Amino acid sequence: MGRPATKPARLKDGFYIEVKNQGSGGVLIRRDTEEQMQMAAADYSRMKNVTILGEMKSDKWVNKQNKKKKK
């Protein structure tokens, strides 16, 4: 099995949204452009809870938004 990782995972540069069902953990989805992220958020918001996290650059959030969209 081996040892567990001690370093946290690094996220790639891009725009992120979190998609989850009510009462469960979420999944982060990355898109290259803000327009693509907005389109993905609109698509997923029909059936899931969507949180727009913002843009990640060099392991730092550039513009953290935290907007929630529900079904």
N, C-alpha and C. Protein backbone atom coordinates (compact mmCIF):
# COMPACT_ATOMS: atom_id res chain seq x y z
N MET A 1 0.81 -1.20 0.00
CA MET A 1 0.00 0.00 0.00
C MET A 1 0.85 1.26 0.00
N GLY A 2 1.83 1.33 0.85
CA GLY A 2 2.71 2.49 0.84
C GLY A 2 2.25 3.58 1.81
N ARG A 3 3.03 4.62 1.85
CA ARG A 3 2.72 5.74 2.74
C ARG A 3 1.75 6.70 2.09
N PRO A 4 0.90 7.33 2.87
CA PRO A 4 0.01 8.34 2.30
C PRO A 4 0.77 9.61 1.95
N ALA A 5 0.24 10.37 1.03
CA ALA A 5 0.88 11.62 0.61
C ALA A 5 0.87 12.63 1.75
N THR A 6 1.96 13.35 1.90
CA THR A 6 2.03 14.37 2.95
C THR A 6 1.84 15.76 2.38
N LYS A 7 2.08 15.91 1.10
CA LYS A 7 1.95 17.20 0.44
C LYS A 7 0.55 17.31 -0.17
N PRO A 8 -0.13 18.46 -0.03
CA PRO A 8 -1.44 18.60 -0.66
C PRO A 8 -1.33 18.64 -2.18
N ALA A 9 -2.38 18.19 -2.85
CA ALA A 9 -2.39 18.19 -4.31
C ALA A 9 -2.40 19.62 -4.84
N ARG A 10 -1.71 19.85 -5.95
CA ARG A 10 -1.68 21.17 -6.58
C ARG A 10 -2.71 21.21 -7.70
N LEU A 11 -3.41 22.32 -7.81
CA LEU A 11 -4.39 22.50 -8.87
C LEU A 11 -3.75 23.18 -10.07
N LYS A 12 -4.18 22.79 -11.26
CA LYS A 12 -3.68 23.42 -12.48
C LYS A 12 -4.26 24.82 -12.62
N ASP A 13 -3.61 25.66 -13.42
CA ASP A 13 -4.12 26.99 -13.69
C ASP A 13 -5.40 26.88 -14.52
N GLY A 14 -6.39 27.70 -14.19
CA GLY A 14 -7.65 27.68 -14.92
C GLY A 14 -8.78 28.18 -14.04
N PHE A 15 -9.99 28.03 -14.53
CA PHE A 15 -11.18 28.49 -13.84
C PHE A 15 -11.91 27.28 -13.26
N TYR A 16 -12.34 27.35 -12.00
CA TYR A 16 -12.89 26.20 -11.31
C TYR A 16 -14.33 26.44 -10.85
N ILE A 17 -15.11 25.34 -10.91
CA ILE A 17 -16.43 25.30 -10.30
C ILE A 17 -16.49 24.02 -9.47
N GLU A 18 -17.32 24.02 -8.44
CA GLU A 18 -17.54 22.83 -7.64
C GLU A 18 -18.97 22.36 -7.88
N VAL A 19 -19.13 21.09 -8.21
CA VAL A 19 -20.43 20.51 -8.52
C VAL A 19 -20.70 19.43 -7.50
N LYS A 20 -21.90 19.48 -6.85
CA LYS A 20 -22.22 18.43 -5.88
C LYS A 20 -23.72 18.24 -5.76
N ASN A 21 -24.09 17.06 -5.31
CA ASN A 21 -25.46 16.76 -4.97
C ASN A 21 -25.73 17.25 -3.55
N GLN A 22 -26.97 17.43 -3.22
CA GLN A 22 -27.32 17.89 -1.88
C GLN A 22 -26.91 16.83 -0.86
N GLY A 23 -26.16 17.24 0.16
CA GLY A 23 -25.77 16.34 1.23
C GLY A 23 -24.57 15.44 0.94
N SER A 24 -23.83 15.70 -0.12
CA SER A 24 -22.67 14.88 -0.43
C SER A 24 -21.48 15.77 -0.79
N GLY A 25 -20.33 15.13 -0.92
CA GLY A 25 -19.12 15.86 -1.27
C GLY A 25 -19.15 16.34 -2.71
N GLY A 26 -18.29 17.28 -3.03
CA GLY A 26 -18.30 17.88 -4.36
C GLY A 26 -17.12 17.46 -5.21
N VAL A 27 -17.22 17.80 -6.49
CA VAL A 27 -16.17 17.54 -7.46
C VAL A 27 -15.76 18.86 -8.09
N LEU A 28 -14.46 19.11 -8.17
CA LEU A 28 -13.97 20.33 -8.81
C LEU A 28 -13.84 20.10 -10.31
N ILE A 29 -14.34 21.05 -11.10
CA ILE A 29 -14.24 20.97 -12.55
C ILE A 29 -13.49 22.19 -13.05
N ARG A 30 -12.48 21.97 -13.89
CA ARG A 30 -11.64 23.06 -14.39
C ARG A 30 -11.93 23.31 -15.85
N ARG A 31 -11.96 24.59 -16.22
CA ARG A 31 -12.09 25.00 -17.62
C ARG A 31 -10.98 26.02 -17.91
N ASP A 32 -10.61 26.13 -19.19
CA ASP A 32 -9.51 27.01 -19.57
C ASP A 32 -9.90 28.48 -19.57
N THR A 33 -11.13 28.81 -19.96
CA THR A 33 -11.55 30.21 -20.03
C THR A 33 -12.75 30.44 -19.13
N GLU A 34 -12.97 31.70 -18.79
CA GLU A 34 -14.10 32.05 -17.93
C GLU A 34 -15.43 31.79 -18.64
N GLU A 35 -15.47 32.02 -19.93
CA GLU A 35 -16.69 31.77 -20.70
C GLU A 35 -17.07 30.29 -20.67
N GLN A 36 -16.08 29.41 -20.84
CA GLN A 36 -16.34 27.97 -20.77
C GLN A 36 -16.80 27.57 -19.38
N MET A 37 -16.22 28.19 -18.35
CA MET A 37 -16.62 27.89 -16.98
C MET A 37 -18.07 28.29 -16.74
N GLN A 38 -18.47 29.47 -17.24
CA GLN A 38 -19.85 29.92 -17.07
C GLN A 38 -20.83 29.00 -17.79
N MET A 39 -20.45 28.52 -18.98
CA MET A 39 -21.31 27.59 -19.72
C MET A 39 -21.46 26.27 -18.97
N ALA A 40 -20.37 25.76 -18.42
CA ALA A 40 -20.42 24.51 -17.66
C ALA A 40 -21.26 24.68 -16.40
N ALA A 41 -21.13 25.82 -15.72
CA ALA A 41 -21.92 26.08 -14.52
C ALA A 41 -23.41 26.12 -14.85
N ALA A 42 -23.76 26.72 -15.97
CA ALA A 42 -25.17 26.77 -16.39
C ALA A 42 -25.69 25.37 -16.71
N ASP A 43 -24.88 24.55 -17.36
CA ASP A 43 -25.30 23.18 -17.70
C ASP A 43 -25.52 22.34 -16.45
N TYR A 44 -24.56 22.37 -15.52
CA TYR A 44 -24.65 21.54 -14.32
C TYR A 44 -25.71 22.05 -13.34
N SER A 45 -26.01 23.34 -13.36
CA SER A 45 -26.94 23.90 -12.37
C SER A 45 -28.36 23.39 -12.55
N ARG A 46 -28.67 22.80 -13.71
CA ARG A 46 -30.00 22.24 -13.91
C ARG A 46 -30.26 21.03 -13.02
N MET A 47 -29.21 20.26 -12.70
CA MET A 47 -29.42 19.03 -11.94
C MET A 47 -28.61 18.94 -10.66
N LYS A 48 -27.66 19.83 -10.42
CA LYS A 48 -26.78 19.76 -9.25
C LYS A 48 -26.63 21.14 -8.62
N ASN A 49 -26.04 21.18 -7.43
CA ASN A 49 -25.68 22.45 -6.80
C ASN A 49 -24.30 22.84 -7.30
N VAL A 50 -24.17 24.07 -7.79
CA VAL A 50 -22.92 24.54 -8.39
C VAL A 50 -22.40 25.75 -7.61
N THR A 51 -21.11 25.70 -7.28
CA THR A 51 -20.43 26.83 -6.65
C THR A 51 -19.30 27.27 -7.57
N ILE A 52 -19.30 28.53 -7.97
CA ILE A 52 -18.22 29.06 -8.81
C ILE A 52 -17.09 29.50 -7.89
N LEU A 53 -15.93 28.87 -8.04
CA LEU A 53 -14.80 29.15 -7.16
C LEU A 53 -13.92 30.27 -7.67
N GLY A 54 -13.74 30.39 -8.98
CA GLY A 54 -12.94 31.47 -9.55
C GLY A 54 -11.73 30.96 -10.29
N GLU A 55 -10.72 31.81 -10.42
CA GLU A 55 -9.53 31.49 -11.21
C GLU A 55 -8.36 31.14 -10.31
N MET A 56 -7.64 30.08 -10.68
CA MET A 56 -6.45 29.64 -9.97
C MET A 56 -5.24 29.91 -10.86
N LYS A 57 -4.23 30.62 -10.32
CA LYS A 57 -2.98 30.89 -11.03
C LYS A 57 -1.83 30.72 -10.06
N SER A 58 -0.88 29.87 -10.40
CA SER A 58 0.31 29.63 -9.58
C SER A 58 -0.07 29.26 -8.14
N ASP A 59 -1.02 28.34 -8.00
CA ASP A 59 -1.48 27.85 -6.69
C ASP A 59 -2.11 28.93 -5.81
N LYS A 60 -2.62 30.00 -6.40
CA LYS A 60 -3.32 31.05 -5.64
C LYS A 60 -4.59 31.43 -6.36
N TRP A 61 -5.63 31.71 -5.59
CA TRP A 61 -6.90 32.16 -6.18
C TRP A 61 -6.76 33.62 -6.59
N VAL A 62 -7.04 33.92 -7.85
CA VAL A 62 -6.93 35.28 -8.36
C VAL A 62 -8.18 36.08 -7.99
N ASN A 63 -9.34 35.51 -8.28
CA ASN A 63 -10.60 36.20 -7.97
C ASN A 63 -11.60 35.19 -7.45
N LYS A 64 -11.55 34.94 -6.16
CA LYS A 64 -12.44 33.95 -5.57
C LYS A 64 -13.83 34.54 -5.49
N GLN A 65 -14.83 33.83 -6.05
CA GLN A 65 -16.16 34.40 -6.18
C GLN A 65 -17.16 33.81 -5.20
N ASN A 66 -17.24 32.48 -5.07
CA ASN A 66 -18.16 31.80 -4.17
C ASN A 66 -19.63 32.15 -4.42
N LYS A 67 -20.07 32.02 -5.65
CA LYS A 67 -21.48 32.18 -5.97
C LYS A 67 -22.11 30.80 -6.01
N LYS A 68 -23.30 30.67 -5.43
CA LYS A 68 -23.97 29.37 -5.44
C LYS A 68 -25.18 29.42 -6.36
N LYS A 69 -25.31 28.38 -7.16
CA LYS A 69 -26.48 28.24 -8.01
C LYS A 69 -27.15 26.94 -7.66
N LYS A 70 -28.44 26.96 -7.42
CA LYS A 70 -29.17 25.74 -7.10
C LYS A 70 -30.06 25.36 -8.24
N LYS A 71 -30.60 24.15 -8.16
CA LYS A 71 -31.46 23.63 -9.22
C LYS A 71 -32.58 24.58 -9.57
